[in-house]
Amino acid sequence: MQLWWNQMRRFSSLILLAGGLLFLAGCSTTDSENASPRPWNGPKTWENGVPAGLYEGR
């Protein structure tokens, strides 16, 4: 029983270590051709300010 428990602890530790390394590695890249002129999280034109239709005809 003790041998089984030690093997299970070792296996679990390896799985957690592998998952942690994958988490820390992430998906970053050094590829510079992916630079866009506008950031993906920047506000869209309709998300800020007063709509242009309210000032038409004034």
Protein backbone atom coordinates (compact mmCIF):
# COMPACT_ATOMS: atom_id res chain seq x y z
CA MET A 1 0.00 0.00 0.00
CA GLN A 2 2.85 2.39 0.85
CA LEU A 3 4.55 1.73 -2.50
CA TRP A 4 1.35 2.50 -4.42
CA TRP A 5 0.89 5.75 -2.49
CA ASN A 6 4.47 6.88 -3.25
CA GLN A 7 4.02 6.12 -6.95
CA MET A 8 0.74 8.04 -7.02
CA ARG A 9 2.34 11.03 -5.29
CA ARG A 10 5.23 11.02 -7.74
CA PHE A 11 2.88 10.81 -10.74
CA SER A 12 0.67 13.59 -9.37
CA SER A 13 3.71 15.77 -8.71
CA LEU A 14 4.95 15.27 -12.28
CA ILE A 15 1.54 16.16 -13.71
CA LEU A 16 1.34 19.32 -11.59
CA LEU A 17 4.89 20.29 -12.53
CA ALA A 18 4.21 19.79 -16.24
CA GLY A 19 0.99 21.83 -15.99
CA GLY A 20 2.79 24.60 -14.13
CA LEU A 21 5.53 24.74 -16.75
CA LEU A 22 2.97 24.93 -19.55
CA PHE A 23 1.14 27.71 -17.69
CA LEU A 24 4.33 29.70 -17.20
CA ALA A 25 5.46 29.21 -20.81
CA GLY A 26 2.25 30.75 -22.15
CA CYS A 27 1.65 31.59 -25.78
CA SER A 28 3.94 34.56 -26.23
CA THR A 29 5.87 35.08 -29.40
CA THR A 30 8.68 37.30 -30.57
CA ASP A 31 7.12 37.58 -34.02
CA SER A 32 6.93 41.28 -34.85
CA GLU A 33 4.77 40.96 -37.98
CA ASN A 34 1.71 40.57 -35.74
CA ALA A 35 1.84 44.23 -34.66
CA SER A 36 -1.43 45.89 -35.57
CA PRO A 37 -1.92 49.66 -35.81
CA ARG A 38 -4.78 49.50 -33.29
CA PRO A 39 -4.64 47.29 -30.19
CA TRP A 40 -7.21 44.51 -29.97
CA ASN A 41 -8.54 45.82 -26.66
CA GLY A 42 -8.86 49.45 -27.72
CA PRO A 43 -12.32 51.03 -27.76
CA LYS A 44 -14.35 50.69 -30.92
CA THR A 45 -15.76 53.79 -32.61
CA TRP A 46 -19.26 53.12 -31.27
CA GLU A 47 -18.14 52.51 -27.67
CA ASN A 48 -17.18 56.05 -26.66
CA GLY A 49 -18.63 59.52 -26.96
CA VAL A 50 -22.02 60.67 -28.09
CA PRO A 51 -23.41 59.16 -31.29
CA ALA A 52 -22.95 61.45 -34.28
CA GLY A 53 -26.64 61.17 -35.19
CA LEU A 54 -27.66 63.27 -32.17
CA TYR A 55 -25.88 66.35 -33.51
CA GLU A 56 -27.04 66.16 -37.11
CA GLY A 57 -29.04 69.20 -38.22
CA ARG A 58 -27.94 71.45 -35.37
